[in-house]
C-alpha cells in the first residue's frame, strides 16, 4: 500500500539505529517500516529515513526520528564496514610511493583477515528483516552483502600493492584462509578475488622468477 515518508530533520551520517525500538513501534502500531539507508550512509537534510506502511501520525514520525543517531562522521559501533575502511586506509597509505612500507600493509592484513572471517561466517546478507512474534515482517533494514565487505577489504590493497611481492603473498594467504573459513554461500566471491589476484600478479611481474615468488601463499608476506 501507500507509504508515509519520515524525513531527516538534519544532515548527518547514520551512526546507529534503534532496531528494537523500531520493531516495538511497528508491532504496536501494526505497520511495516522500510529503511532505505543503512548504518554508515550519509543522509542530507530532508532525506527519507523511514517509509511507513500503515498509520503514521506526527507523533509517530517524531518517535521514529529519535531512533536514528545522526552525527558528523561514521562510527564503528554498528558499522563494521567503517572499521574495515580505516584499516584499508592505513594499508594503502603505507603502500604509497612516499612511504613505501609494505610490512605495515601486511600487518594490517592480519586484522583485515580476522574481521572478514568474523563477517564471512554469517549467512548471506542483503537485508535484515525483523519479525514480530507471529512471524510477520515488521522492519526491513538494508545491510551490506558479503561481496561488498570482501571488495572493501582487499581490492584497493591489491591495486596499490600490485608490484609488492610481500603484499601479493600475504593477500593470497588471506584469501585461502577465507576460502576455507567463511560460510559456503560466500566462497564463490573468494574464488573470484583469488582469480583477480592471480591476474594482477601476472600483469605486474614480467620476470618469471619474480612472478613465481609473488604467486606463493605466505602469512608473513616474505619468510613465513
N, C-alpha and C. Protein backbone atom coordinates (compact mmCIF):
# COMPACT_ATOMS: atom_id res chain seq x y z
N UNK A 1 0.81 -1.20 0.00
CA UNK A 1 0.00 0.00 0.00
C UNK A 1 0.84 1.24 0.00
N UNK A 2 0.21 2.42 0.03
CA UNK A 2 0.97 3.67 0.05
C UNK A 2 1.76 3.82 1.34
N UNK A 3 2.88 4.52 1.23
CA UNK A 3 3.74 4.71 2.39
C UNK A 3 3.82 6.18 2.76
N UNK A 4 4.16 6.42 4.01
CA UNK A 4 4.40 7.78 4.51
C UNK A 4 5.88 7.93 4.78
N UNK A 5 6.56 8.86 4.12
CA UNK A 5 7.99 9.03 4.37
C UNK A 5 8.24 9.84 5.64
N UNK A 6 9.20 9.37 6.42
CA UNK A 6 9.67 10.13 7.58
C UNK A 6 11.04 10.67 7.22
N UNK A 7 11.19 11.98 7.21
CA UNK A 7 12.39 12.60 6.68
C UNK A 7 13.32 13.09 7.80
N UNK A 8 14.60 13.12 7.48
CA UNK A 8 15.60 13.57 8.44
C UNK A 8 15.44 15.06 8.70
N UNK A 9 15.54 15.44 9.97
CA UNK A 9 15.42 16.85 10.34
C UNK A 9 16.73 17.60 10.14
N UNK A 10 17.83 16.86 9.94
CA UNK A 10 19.12 17.49 9.66
C UNK A 10 19.99 16.50 8.92
N UNK A 11 21.08 17.00 8.37
CA UNK A 11 22.00 16.13 7.65
C UNK A 11 22.94 15.43 8.62
N UNK A 12 23.46 14.29 8.20
CA UNK A 12 24.44 13.59 9.02
C UNK A 12 24.62 12.15 8.58
N UNK A 13 25.68 11.53 9.11
CA UNK A 13 25.91 10.11 8.87
C UNK A 13 25.11 9.30 9.88
N UNK A 14 24.50 8.22 9.42
CA UNK A 14 23.76 7.35 10.33
C UNK A 14 24.77 6.55 11.15
N UNK A 15 24.86 6.87 12.43
CA UNK A 15 25.82 6.21 13.31
C UNK A 15 25.24 4.97 13.97
N UNK A 16 23.95 4.99 14.23
CA UNK A 16 23.31 3.85 14.88
C UNK A 16 21.80 3.92 14.64
N UNK A 17 21.18 2.75 14.71
CA UNK A 17 19.73 2.61 14.55
C UNK A 17 19.21 1.80 15.73
N UNK A 18 18.12 2.23 16.32
CA UNK A 18 17.49 1.50 17.42
C UNK A 18 16.55 0.45 16.81
N UNK A 19 17.12 -0.70 16.45
CA UNK A 19 16.34 -1.73 15.76
C UNK A 19 15.23 -2.28 16.66
N UNK A 20 15.52 -2.48 17.95
CA UNK A 20 14.49 -2.99 18.85
C UNK A 20 13.34 -2.00 18.98
N UNK A 21 13.69 -0.72 19.07
CA UNK A 21 12.66 0.29 19.16
C UNK A 21 11.79 0.35 17.92
N UNK A 22 12.41 0.22 16.76
CA UNK A 22 11.65 0.20 15.51
C UNK A 22 10.69 -0.98 15.46
N UNK A 23 11.18 -2.16 15.87
CA UNK A 23 10.33 -3.35 15.86
C UNK A 23 9.16 -3.19 16.83
N UNK A 24 9.44 -2.67 18.03
CA UNK A 24 8.37 -2.49 19.01
C UNK A 24 7.32 -1.50 18.49
N UNK A 25 7.76 -0.42 17.87
CA UNK A 25 6.81 0.57 17.35
C UNK A 25 5.98 -0.04 16.22
N UNK A 26 6.65 -0.74 15.31
CA UNK A 26 5.92 -1.33 14.18
C UNK A 26 4.90 -2.35 14.65
N UNK A 27 5.29 -3.14 15.67
CA UNK A 27 4.36 -4.13 16.20
C UNK A 27 3.18 -3.44 16.90
N UNK A 28 3.47 -2.41 17.68
CA UNK A 28 2.41 -1.72 18.42
C UNK A 28 1.46 -0.94 17.52
N UNK A 29 1.99 -0.38 16.43
CA UNK A 29 1.16 0.42 15.52
C UNK A 29 0.61 -0.39 14.37
N UNK A 30 0.95 -1.68 14.31
CA UNK A 30 0.51 -2.57 13.23
C UNK A 30 0.88 -1.99 11.86
N UNK A 31 2.17 -1.70 11.72
CA UNK A 31 2.65 -1.16 10.44
C UNK A 31 3.94 -1.88 10.06
N UNK A 32 4.43 -1.57 8.88
CA UNK A 32 5.70 -2.10 8.39
C UNK A 32 6.62 -0.92 8.10
N UNK A 33 7.87 -1.02 8.53
CA UNK A 33 8.85 0.05 8.33
C UNK A 33 9.92 -0.42 7.38
N UNK A 34 10.19 0.40 6.38
CA UNK A 34 11.28 0.10 5.43
C UNK A 34 12.30 1.21 5.50
N UNK A 35 13.56 0.85 5.73
CA UNK A 35 14.64 1.82 5.80
C UNK A 35 15.40 1.82 4.48
N UNK A 36 15.46 2.94 3.76
CA UNK A 36 16.21 2.98 2.50
C UNK A 36 17.71 3.11 2.67
N UNK A 37 18.16 3.50 3.87
CA UNK A 37 19.58 3.71 4.12
C UNK A 37 20.07 2.78 5.22
N UNK A 38 21.35 2.40 5.13
CA UNK A 38 21.95 1.56 6.15
C UNK A 38 22.85 2.39 7.06
N UNK A 39 23.25 1.79 8.17
CA UNK A 39 24.20 2.44 9.06
C UNK A 39 25.48 2.76 8.28
N UNK A 40 25.97 3.98 8.44
CA UNK A 40 27.16 4.42 7.72
C UNK A 40 26.86 5.34 6.56
N UNK A 41 25.62 5.30 6.06
CA UNK A 41 25.24 6.19 4.96
C UNK A 41 25.12 7.63 5.46
N UNK A 42 25.51 8.58 4.61
CA UNK A 42 25.26 9.99 4.89
C UNK A 42 23.91 10.35 4.30
N UNK A 43 23.06 10.99 5.10
CA UNK A 43 21.75 11.42 4.61
C UNK A 43 21.68 12.94 4.66
N UNK A 44 21.31 13.57 3.57
CA UNK A 44 21.15 15.03 3.59
C UNK A 44 19.89 15.43 4.34
N UNK A 45 19.82 16.69 4.69
CA UNK A 45 18.64 17.22 5.36
C UNK A 45 17.42 17.01 4.47
N UNK A 46 16.37 16.42 5.05
CA UNK A 46 15.14 16.16 4.30
C UNK A 46 15.10 14.83 3.60
N UNK A 47 16.18 14.05 3.65
CA UNK A 47 16.17 12.73 3.02
C UNK A 47 15.27 11.77 3.82
N UNK A 48 14.75 10.76 3.14
CA UNK A 48 13.85 9.81 3.79
C UNK A 48 14.65 8.88 4.70
N UNK A 49 14.27 8.84 5.98
CA UNK A 49 14.87 7.91 6.93
C UNK A 49 14.09 6.60 6.99
N UNK A 50 12.77 6.69 6.97
CA UNK A 50 11.90 5.51 7.08
C UNK A 50 10.69 5.72 6.18
N UNK A 51 10.29 4.64 5.53
CA UNK A 51 9.00 4.62 4.84
C UNK A 51 8.05 3.78 5.70
N UNK A 52 6.93 4.39 6.11
CA UNK A 52 5.97 3.73 7.00
C UNK A 52 4.79 3.24 6.17
N UNK A 53 4.57 1.94 6.20
CA UNK A 53 3.41 1.35 5.54
C UNK A 53 2.38 1.06 6.63
N UNK A 54 1.47 2.00 6.80
CA UNK A 54 0.48 1.94 7.86
C UNK A 54 0.29 3.31 8.46
N UNK A 55 -0.45 3.41 9.56
CA UNK A 55 -0.72 4.73 10.16
C UNK A 55 0.56 5.38 10.67
N UNK A 56 0.71 6.66 10.35
CA UNK A 56 1.93 7.38 10.77
C UNK A 56 1.59 8.82 11.11
N UNK A 57 0.90 9.05 12.23
CA UNK A 57 0.63 10.43 12.65
C UNK A 57 1.92 11.14 13.04
N UNK A 58 1.82 12.43 13.28
CA UNK A 58 3.01 13.24 13.53
C UNK A 58 3.79 12.75 14.75
N UNK A 59 3.09 12.31 15.80
CA UNK A 59 3.78 11.84 17.00
C UNK A 59 4.62 10.61 16.70
N UNK A 60 4.12 9.72 15.85
CA UNK A 60 4.88 8.52 15.47
C UNK A 60 6.10 8.91 14.65
N UNK A 61 5.95 9.86 13.77
CA UNK A 61 7.08 10.29 12.95
C UNK A 61 8.18 10.90 13.81
N UNK A 62 7.79 11.65 14.84
CA UNK A 62 8.80 12.21 15.76
C UNK A 62 9.52 11.10 16.52
N UNK A 63 8.77 10.09 16.97
CA UNK A 63 9.40 8.96 17.66
C UNK A 63 10.39 8.24 16.74
N UNK A 64 10.02 8.08 15.51
CA UNK A 64 10.89 7.37 14.58
C UNK A 64 12.19 8.13 14.35
N UNK A 65 12.12 9.43 14.24
CA UNK A 65 13.35 10.22 14.03
C UNK A 65 14.31 10.03 15.20
N UNK A 66 13.77 9.88 16.41
CA UNK A 66 14.63 9.74 17.58
C UNK A 66 15.32 8.37 17.64
N UNK A 67 14.92 7.46 16.78
CA UNK A 67 15.53 6.12 16.76
C UNK A 67 16.74 6.04 15.84
N UNK A 68 17.14 7.17 15.29
CA UNK A 68 18.32 7.24 14.43
C UNK A 68 19.32 8.20 15.06
N UNK A 69 20.55 7.75 15.23
CA UNK A 69 21.63 8.62 15.69
C UNK A 69 22.37 9.15 14.47
N UNK A 70 22.28 10.44 14.25
CA UNK A 70 22.98 11.09 13.14
C UNK A 70 24.14 11.90 13.70
N UNK A 71 25.30 11.82 13.06
CA UNK A 71 26.46 12.56 13.51
C UNK A 71 27.27 13.08 12.35
N UNK A 72 28.36 13.74 12.66
CA UNK A 72 29.19 14.34 11.62
C UNK A 72 29.98 13.30 10.83
N UNK A 73 30.28 12.17 11.46
CA UNK A 73 31.06 11.14 10.76
C UNK A 73 30.63 9.77 11.24
N UNK A 74 31.05 8.75 10.51
CA UNK A 74 30.70 7.37 10.85
C UNK A 74 31.43 6.94 12.13
N UNK A 75 30.84 5.94 12.81
CA UNK A 75 31.48 5.32 13.97
C UNK A 75 31.43 3.81 13.77
N UNK A 76 32.20 3.09 14.59
CA UNK A 76 32.33 1.64 14.35
C UNK A 76 31.35 0.81 15.19
N UNK A 77 30.56 1.42 16.08
CA UNK A 77 29.73 0.64 16.99
C UNK A 77 28.76 -0.27 16.24
N UNK A 78 28.06 0.25 15.23
CA UNK A 78 27.14 -0.56 14.44
C UNK A 78 27.58 -0.62 12.97
N UNK A 79 28.80 -0.25 12.69
CA UNK A 79 29.25 -0.09 11.30
C UNK A 79 30.60 -0.77 11.10
N UNK A 80 30.64 -2.11 11.02
CA UNK A 80 31.93 -2.78 10.83
C UNK A 80 32.62 -2.40 9.54
N UNK A 81 31.87 -1.96 8.54
CA UNK A 81 32.50 -1.54 7.29
C UNK A 81 33.39 -0.32 7.51
N UNK A 82 33.04 0.53 8.47
CA UNK A 82 33.88 1.69 8.74
C UNK A 82 35.19 1.27 9.38
N UNK A 83 35.13 0.29 10.29
CA UNK A 83 36.37 -0.25 10.87
C UNK A 83 37.25 -0.83 9.78
N UNK A 84 36.63 -1.54 8.85
CA UNK A 84 37.38 -2.12 7.73
C UNK A 84 37.97 -1.02 6.85
N UNK A 85 37.19 0.03 6.64
CA UNK A 85 37.66 1.16 5.82
C UNK A 85 38.89 1.82 6.43
N UNK A 86 38.90 1.98 7.75
CA UNK A 86 40.04 2.59 8.44
C UNK A 86 41.29 1.73 8.26
N UNK A 87 41.13 0.41 8.42
CA UNK A 87 42.28 -0.49 8.25
C UNK A 87 42.82 -0.43 6.83
N UNK A 88 41.93 -0.44 5.86
CA UNK A 88 42.36 -0.37 4.46
C UNK A 88 43.10 0.93 4.18
N UNK A 89 42.60 2.03 4.71
CA UNK A 89 43.26 3.31 4.50
C UNK A 89 44.68 3.32 5.07
N UNK A 90 44.87 2.69 6.23
CA UNK A 90 46.22 2.59 6.80
C UNK A 90 47.13 1.81 5.86
N UNK A 91 46.60 0.71 5.34
CA UNK A 91 47.42 -0.13 4.46
C UNK A 91 47.79 0.59 3.17
N UNK A 92 46.84 1.26 2.55
CA UNK A 92 47.17 1.89 1.26
C UNK A 92 48.03 3.14 1.45
N UNK A 93 47.93 3.80 2.60
CA UNK A 93 48.88 4.88 2.86
C UNK A 93 50.30 4.32 2.99
N UNK A 94 50.41 3.17 3.65
CA UNK A 94 51.73 2.54 3.79
C UNK A 94 52.30 2.13 2.44
N UNK A 95 51.42 1.85 1.47
CA UNK A 95 51.86 1.41 0.15
C UNK A 95 52.08 2.56 -0.82
N UNK A 96 51.86 3.79 -0.39
CA UNK A 96 52.07 4.93 -1.29
C UNK A 96 53.56 5.09 -1.58
N UNK A 97 53.92 5.61 -2.76
CA UNK A 97 55.34 5.77 -3.10
C UNK A 97 56.10 6.64 -2.10
N UNK A 98 55.40 7.57 -1.43
CA UNK A 98 56.09 8.45 -0.48
C UNK A 98 56.49 7.70 0.78
N UNK A 99 55.77 6.62 1.11
CA UNK A 99 56.05 5.87 2.34
C UNK A 99 56.74 4.55 2.04
N UNK A 100 56.14 3.77 1.13
CA UNK A 100 56.74 2.52 0.66
C UNK A 100 57.06 1.58 1.83
N UNK A 101 56.01 1.20 2.57
CA UNK A 101 56.16 0.37 3.77
C UNK A 101 55.25 -0.85 3.67
N UNK A 102 55.58 -1.83 2.83
CA UNK A 102 54.69 -2.99 2.66
C UNK A 102 54.55 -3.82 3.91
N UNK A 103 55.53 -3.78 4.81
CA UNK A 103 55.43 -4.57 6.05
C UNK A 103 54.24 -4.10 6.88
N UNK A 104 54.01 -2.79 6.96
CA UNK A 104 52.84 -2.29 7.68
C UNK A 104 51.56 -2.77 7.00
N UNK A 105 51.53 -2.75 5.68
CA UNK A 105 50.34 -3.23 4.96
C UNK A 105 50.07 -4.70 5.27
N UNK A 106 51.12 -5.50 5.34
CA UNK A 106 50.97 -6.92 5.66
C UNK A 106 50.44 -7.09 7.08
N UNK A 107 50.92 -6.30 8.01
CA UNK A 107 50.42 -6.39 9.39
C UNK A 107 48.95 -5.98 9.48
N UNK A 108 48.57 -4.99 8.71
CA UNK A 108 47.17 -4.59 8.69
C UNK A 108 46.30 -5.71 8.11
N UNK A 109 46.82 -6.42 7.11
CA UNK A 109 46.06 -7.52 6.52
C UNK A 109 45.76 -8.62 7.55
N UNK A 110 46.60 -8.76 8.57
CA UNK A 110 46.31 -9.72 9.64
C UNK A 110 44.95 -9.42 10.26
N UNK A 111 44.69 -8.16 10.54
CA UNK A 111 43.45 -7.78 11.22
C UNK A 111 42.28 -7.69 10.25
N UNK A 112 42.55 -7.35 9.00
CA UNK A 112 41.50 -7.39 8.00
C UNK A 112 41.02 -8.83 7.83
N UNK A 113 41.95 -9.77 7.80
CA UNK A 113 41.57 -11.18 7.70
C UNK A 113 40.66 -11.59 8.85
N UNK A 114 41.02 -11.21 10.06
CA UNK A 114 40.22 -11.58 11.23
C UNK A 114 38.81 -11.01 11.13
N UNK A 115 38.69 -9.75 10.71
CA UNK A 115 37.38 -9.12 10.60
C UNK A 115 36.55 -9.75 9.48
N UNK A 116 37.18 -10.03 8.34
CA UNK A 116 36.46 -10.66 7.23
C UNK A 116 36.00 -12.07 7.59
N UNK A 117 36.80 -12.80 8.34
CA UNK A 117 36.39 -14.13 8.78
C UNK A 117 35.16 -14.03 9.68
N UNK A 118 35.17 -13.08 10.59
CA UNK A 118 34.04 -12.91 11.51
C UNK A 118 32.76 -12.61 10.73
N UNK A 119 32.86 -11.72 9.74
CA UNK A 119 31.68 -11.37 8.93
C UNK A 119 31.30 -12.53 8.02
N UNK A 120 32.30 -13.18 7.42
CA UNK A 120 32.05 -14.21 6.42
C UNK A 120 31.51 -15.51 6.97
N UNK A 121 31.56 -15.70 8.28
CA UNK A 121 30.98 -16.91 8.87
C UNK A 121 29.46 -16.82 8.97
N UNK A 122 28.93 -15.65 8.72
CA UNK A 122 27.49 -15.47 8.78
C UNK A 122 26.86 -15.83 7.43
N UNK A 123 25.57 -16.03 7.47
CA UNK A 123 24.84 -16.38 6.24
C UNK A 123 24.73 -15.16 5.33
N UNK A 124 24.29 -15.36 4.07
CA UNK A 124 24.24 -14.24 3.13
C UNK A 124 23.48 -13.05 3.67
N UNK A 125 24.03 -11.87 3.43
CA UNK A 125 23.41 -10.64 3.88
C UNK A 125 22.80 -9.91 2.69
N UNK A 126 22.08 -8.88 2.94
CA UNK A 126 21.48 -8.07 1.89
C UNK A 126 20.42 -7.19 2.50
N UNK A 127 19.49 -7.82 3.23
CA UNK A 127 18.50 -7.09 4.01
C UNK A 127 18.26 -7.84 5.31
N UNK A 128 18.14 -7.11 6.39
CA UNK A 128 17.75 -7.70 7.66
C UNK A 128 16.26 -7.47 7.83
N UNK A 129 15.51 -8.55 8.00
CA UNK A 129 14.07 -8.46 8.18
C UNK A 129 13.76 -8.82 9.63
N UNK A 130 13.23 -7.86 10.36
CA UNK A 130 12.86 -8.08 11.75
C UNK A 130 11.38 -8.44 11.80
N UNK A 131 11.06 -9.52 12.52
CA UNK A 131 9.69 -10.04 12.54
C UNK A 131 9.12 -9.98 13.94
N UNK A 132 7.79 -9.94 14.01
CA UNK A 132 7.13 -9.96 15.31
C UNK A 132 6.96 -11.39 15.78
N UNK A 133 6.28 -11.58 16.91
CA UNK A 133 6.13 -12.90 17.49
C UNK A 133 5.32 -13.86 16.63
N UNK A 134 4.58 -13.35 15.68
CA UNK A 134 3.79 -14.19 14.77
C UNK A 134 4.50 -14.45 13.45
N UNK A 135 5.74 -13.98 13.34
CA UNK A 135 6.50 -14.21 12.11
C UNK A 135 6.25 -13.20 11.01
N UNK A 136 5.49 -12.17 11.29
CA UNK A 136 5.22 -11.16 10.26
C UNK A 136 6.38 -10.18 10.16
N UNK A 137 6.76 -9.88 8.94
CA UNK A 137 7.82 -8.89 8.72
C UNK A 137 7.34 -7.53 9.18
N UNK A 138 8.17 -6.87 10.02
CA UNK A 138 7.79 -5.56 10.53
C UNK A 138 8.78 -4.46 10.16
N UNK A 139 10.07 -4.80 10.11
CA UNK A 139 11.10 -3.80 9.81
C UNK A 139 12.07 -4.41 8.79
N UNK A 140 12.34 -3.67 7.74
CA UNK A 140 13.29 -4.11 6.72
C UNK A 140 14.44 -3.10 6.67
N UNK A 141 15.65 -3.59 6.99
CA UNK A 141 16.83 -2.74 7.08
C UNK A 141 17.86 -3.21 6.06
N UNK A 142 18.35 -2.36 5.17
CA UNK A 142 19.40 -2.80 4.25
C UNK A 142 20.73 -2.98 4.97
N UNK A 143 21.41 -4.05 4.69
CA UNK A 143 22.74 -4.29 5.24
C UNK A 143 23.66 -4.69 4.09
N UNK A 144 24.96 -4.56 4.31
CA UNK A 144 25.92 -4.84 3.25
C UNK A 144 26.00 -6.33 2.97
N UNK A 145 26.25 -6.66 1.71
CA UNK A 145 26.46 -8.04 1.31
C UNK A 145 27.91 -8.44 1.58
N UNK A 146 28.13 -9.74 1.66
CA UNK A 146 29.49 -10.26 1.89
C UNK A 146 30.45 -9.78 0.80
N UNK A 147 30.00 -9.78 -0.46
CA UNK A 147 30.87 -9.36 -1.55
C UNK A 147 31.34 -7.92 -1.37
N UNK A 148 30.51 -7.08 -0.79
CA UNK A 148 30.89 -5.69 -0.55
C UNK A 148 31.97 -5.59 0.53
N UNK A 149 31.81 -6.37 1.58
CA UNK A 149 32.84 -6.39 2.62
C UNK A 149 34.16 -6.91 2.06
N UNK A 150 34.10 -7.98 1.28
CA UNK A 150 35.33 -8.55 0.73
C UNK A 150 36.02 -7.57 -0.22
N UNK A 151 35.27 -6.96 -1.11
CA UNK A 151 35.86 -5.98 -2.02
C UNK A 151 36.49 -4.82 -1.26
N UNK A 152 35.80 -4.34 -0.24
CA UNK A 152 36.33 -3.24 0.57
C UNK A 152 37.64 -3.65 1.23
N UNK A 153 37.72 -4.89 1.71
CA UNK A 153 38.88 -5.32 2.45
C UNK A 153 40.12 -5.59 1.63
N UNK A 154 39.96 -5.99 0.36
CA UNK A 154 41.14 -6.44 -0.38
C UNK A 154 41.42 -5.71 -1.69
N UNK A 155 40.41 -5.10 -2.31
CA UNK A 155 40.59 -4.60 -3.68
C UNK A 155 41.64 -3.50 -3.76
N UNK A 156 41.51 -2.46 -2.95
CA UNK A 156 42.44 -1.34 -3.06
C UNK A 156 43.85 -1.73 -2.63
N UNK A 157 43.94 -2.61 -1.63
CA UNK A 157 45.27 -3.07 -1.21
C UNK A 157 45.93 -3.86 -2.34
N UNK A 158 45.15 -4.68 -3.02
CA UNK A 158 45.70 -5.40 -4.17
C UNK A 158 46.16 -4.43 -5.26
N UNK A 159 45.38 -3.39 -5.49
CA UNK A 159 45.74 -2.43 -6.54
C UNK A 159 46.96 -1.61 -6.18
N UNK A 160 46.98 -1.06 -4.96
CA UNK A 160 48.11 -0.23 -4.55
C UNK A 160 49.37 -1.05 -4.31
N UNK A 161 49.21 -2.32 -3.94
CA UNK A 161 50.36 -3.17 -3.69
C UNK A 161 50.67 -4.12 -4.83
N UNK A 162 50.25 -3.77 -6.04
CA UNK A 162 50.36 -4.68 -7.17
C UNK A 162 51.80 -5.09 -7.46
N UNK A 163 52.75 -4.24 -7.19
CA UNK A 163 54.15 -4.55 -7.51
C UNK A 163 54.94 -5.04 -6.29
N UNK A 164 54.24 -5.32 -5.20
CA UNK A 164 54.90 -5.79 -3.98
C UNK A 164 54.74 -7.30 -3.85
N UNK A 165 55.85 -8.02 -3.90
CA UNK A 165 55.81 -9.47 -3.69
C UNK A 165 55.23 -9.79 -2.32
N UNK A 166 55.61 -9.02 -1.33
CA UNK A 166 55.18 -9.26 0.04
C UNK A 166 53.66 -9.16 0.16
N UNK A 167 53.09 -8.12 -0.41
CA UNK A 167 51.65 -7.92 -0.32
C UNK A 167 50.90 -9.00 -1.09
N UNK A 168 51.39 -9.35 -2.27
CA UNK A 168 50.72 -10.38 -3.06
C UNK A 168 50.68 -11.71 -2.32
N UNK A 169 51.78 -12.07 -1.69
CA UNK A 169 51.84 -13.33 -0.97
C UNK A 169 50.92 -13.34 0.25
N UNK A 170 50.87 -12.23 0.98
CA UNK A 170 50.01 -12.17 2.16
C UNK A 170 48.54 -12.15 1.76
N UNK A 171 48.23 -11.45 0.67
CA UNK A 171 46.85 -11.44 0.20
C UNK A 171 46.40 -12.84 -0.20
N UNK A 172 47.27 -13.58 -0.85
CA UNK A 172 46.91 -14.94 -1.24
C UNK A 172 46.63 -15.80 -0.01
N UNK A 173 47.47 -15.68 1.01
CA UNK A 173 47.25 -16.43 2.23
C UNK A 173 45.93 -16.04 2.89
N UNK A 174 45.62 -14.75 2.89
CA UNK A 174 44.35 -14.27 3.45
C UNK A 174 43.17 -14.90 2.71
N UNK A 175 43.20 -14.85 1.40
CA UNK A 175 42.07 -15.36 0.61
C UNK A 175 41.94 -16.87 0.74
N UNK A 176 43.05 -17.57 0.82
CA UNK A 176 42.97 -19.02 1.01
C UNK A 176 42.38 -19.37 2.37
N UNK A 177 42.69 -18.56 3.38
CA UNK A 177 42.10 -18.77 4.71
C UNK A 177 40.59 -18.50 4.67
N UNK A 178 40.20 -17.45 3.98
CA UNK A 178 38.77 -17.15 3.85
C UNK A 178 38.04 -18.26 3.11
N UNK A 179 38.66 -18.79 2.08
CA UNK A 179 38.01 -19.82 1.27
C UNK A 179 37.58 -21.01 2.13
N UNK A 180 38.39 -21.35 3.10
CA UNK A 180 38.04 -22.47 3.96
C UNK A 180 37.26 -22.09 5.20
N UNK A 181 37.22 -20.78 5.54
CA UNK A 181 36.65 -20.38 6.81
C UNK A 181 35.30 -19.70 6.77
N UNK A 182 34.87 -19.21 5.59
CA UNK A 182 33.60 -18.49 5.52
C UNK A 182 32.47 -19.46 5.21
N UNK A 183 31.25 -18.98 5.36
CA UNK A 183 30.08 -19.79 5.04
C UNK A 183 30.09 -20.19 3.57
N UNK A 184 29.62 -21.39 3.23
CA UNK A 184 29.67 -21.87 1.84
C UNK A 184 29.11 -20.90 0.80
N UNK A 185 28.00 -20.18 1.07
CA UNK A 185 27.49 -19.26 0.04
C UNK A 185 28.46 -18.14 -0.31
N UNK A 186 29.45 -17.88 0.56
CA UNK A 186 30.38 -16.76 0.32
C UNK A 186 31.63 -17.18 -0.45
N UNK A 187 31.81 -18.47 -0.67
CA UNK A 187 33.10 -18.93 -1.19
C UNK A 187 33.31 -18.58 -2.66
N UNK A 188 32.25 -18.46 -3.43
CA UNK A 188 32.40 -18.09 -4.84
C UNK A 188 33.04 -16.71 -4.97
N UNK A 189 32.68 -15.78 -4.09
CA UNK A 189 33.27 -14.44 -4.13
C UNK A 189 34.75 -14.49 -3.79
N UNK A 190 35.13 -15.38 -2.87
CA UNK A 190 36.53 -15.52 -2.52
C UNK A 190 37.32 -16.09 -3.69
N UNK A 191 36.75 -17.08 -4.37
CA UNK A 191 37.41 -17.64 -5.56
C UNK A 191 37.61 -16.57 -6.62
N UNK A 192 36.61 -15.73 -6.81
CA UNK A 192 36.73 -14.64 -7.79
C UNK A 192 37.83 -13.67 -7.40
N UNK A 193 37.96 -13.39 -6.10
CA UNK A 193 39.03 -12.50 -5.63
C UNK A 193 40.40 -13.14 -5.85
N UNK A 194 40.50 -14.44 -5.66
CA UNK A 194 41.76 -15.14 -5.93
C UNK A 194 42.13 -15.06 -7.42
N UNK A 195 41.14 -15.17 -8.29
CA UNK A 195 41.39 -15.05 -9.73
C UNK A 195 41.89 -13.65 -10.08
N UNK A 196 41.30 -12.63 -9.44
CA UNK A 196 41.76 -11.26 -9.70
C UNK A 196 43.18 -11.05 -9.20
N UNK A 197 43.50 -11.66 -8.07
CA UNK A 197 44.87 -11.55 -7.56
C UNK A 197 45.84 -12.24 -8.51
N UNK A 198 45.48 -13.39 -9.01
CA UNK A 198 46.35 -14.10 -9.95
C UNK A 198 46.58 -13.26 -11.21
N UNK A 199 45.54 -12.64 -11.71
CA UNK A 199 45.67 -11.79 -12.89
C UNK A 199 46.56 -10.59 -12.60
N UNK A 200 46.44 -10.02 -11.41
CA UNK A 200 47.27 -8.88 -11.03
C UNK A 200 48.74 -9.27 -10.96
N UNK A 201 49.03 -10.43 -10.37
CA UNK A 201 50.42 -10.91 -10.29
C UNK A 201 50.98 -11.13 -11.69
N UNK A 202 50.20 -11.73 -12.56
CA UNK A 202 50.66 -11.99 -13.93
C UNK A 202 50.96 -10.69 -14.66
N UNK A 203 50.13 -9.67 -14.45
CA UNK A 203 50.32 -8.40 -15.15
C UNK A 203 51.45 -7.57 -14.56
N UNK A 204 51.73 -7.75 -13.27
CA UNK A 204 52.67 -6.86 -12.58
C UNK A 204 54.11 -7.35 -12.59
N UNK A 205 54.33 -8.64 -12.80
CA UNK A 205 55.68 -9.20 -12.71
C UNK A 205 56.05 -9.86 -14.03
N UNK A 206 56.93 -9.17 -14.77
CA UNK A 206 57.34 -9.69 -16.08
C UNK A 206 58.35 -10.83 -15.94
N UNK A 207 59.17 -10.76 -14.93
CA UNK A 207 60.19 -11.79 -14.72
C UNK A 207 59.54 -13.06 -14.17
N UNK A 208 59.90 -14.21 -14.76
CA UNK A 208 59.29 -15.48 -14.35
C UNK A 208 59.58 -15.79 -12.88
N UNK A 209 60.80 -15.55 -12.43
CA UNK A 209 61.14 -15.86 -11.04
C UNK A 209 60.37 -14.97 -10.07
N UNK A 210 60.26 -13.68 -10.40
CA UNK A 210 59.51 -12.78 -9.53
C UNK A 210 58.03 -13.17 -9.50
N UNK A 211 57.52 -13.50 -10.69
CA UNK A 211 56.11 -13.89 -10.76
C UNK A 211 55.86 -15.17 -9.96
N UNK A 212 56.77 -16.11 -10.05
CA UNK A 212 56.63 -17.35 -9.29
C UNK A 212 56.69 -17.08 -7.79
N UNK A 213 57.59 -16.18 -7.38
CA UNK A 213 57.71 -15.86 -5.96
C UNK A 213 56.46 -15.14 -5.45
N UNK A 214 55.92 -14.23 -6.27
CA UNK A 214 54.73 -13.48 -5.87
C UNK A 214 53.49 -14.36 -5.83
N UNK A 215 53.54 -15.49 -6.48
CA UNK A 215 52.38 -16.38 -6.53
C UNK A 215 52.29 -17.36 -5.38
N UNK A 216 53.21 -17.28 -4.43
CA UNK A 216 53.22 -18.18 -3.29
C UNK A 216 52.41 -17.60 -2.14
N UNK A 217 51.70 -18.46 -1.43
CA UNK A 217 50.96 -18.04 -0.23
C UNK A 217 51.91 -17.96 0.96
N UNK A 218 51.90 -16.82 1.67
CA UNK A 218 52.81 -16.65 2.80
C UNK A 218 52.15 -15.73 3.82
N UNK A 219 51.88 -16.22 5.00
CA UNK A 219 51.16 -15.44 6.01
C UNK A 219 52.00 -14.30 6.58
N UNK A 220 53.30 -14.33 6.39
CA UNK A 220 54.15 -13.24 6.82
C UNK A 220 54.59 -12.36 5.66
N UNK A 221 54.11 -12.60 4.50
CA UNK A 221 54.50 -11.84 3.32
C UNK A 221 55.72 -12.45 2.66
N UNK A 222 56.83 -12.34 3.31
CA UNK A 222 58.06 -13.00 2.86
C UNK A 222 58.71 -13.61 4.10
N UNK A 223 59.00 -14.89 4.03
CA UNK A 223 59.73 -15.53 5.11
C UNK A 223 58.90 -16.38 6.05
N UNK A 224 57.58 -16.45 5.81
CA UNK A 224 56.73 -17.24 6.69
C UNK A 224 56.91 -18.73 6.45
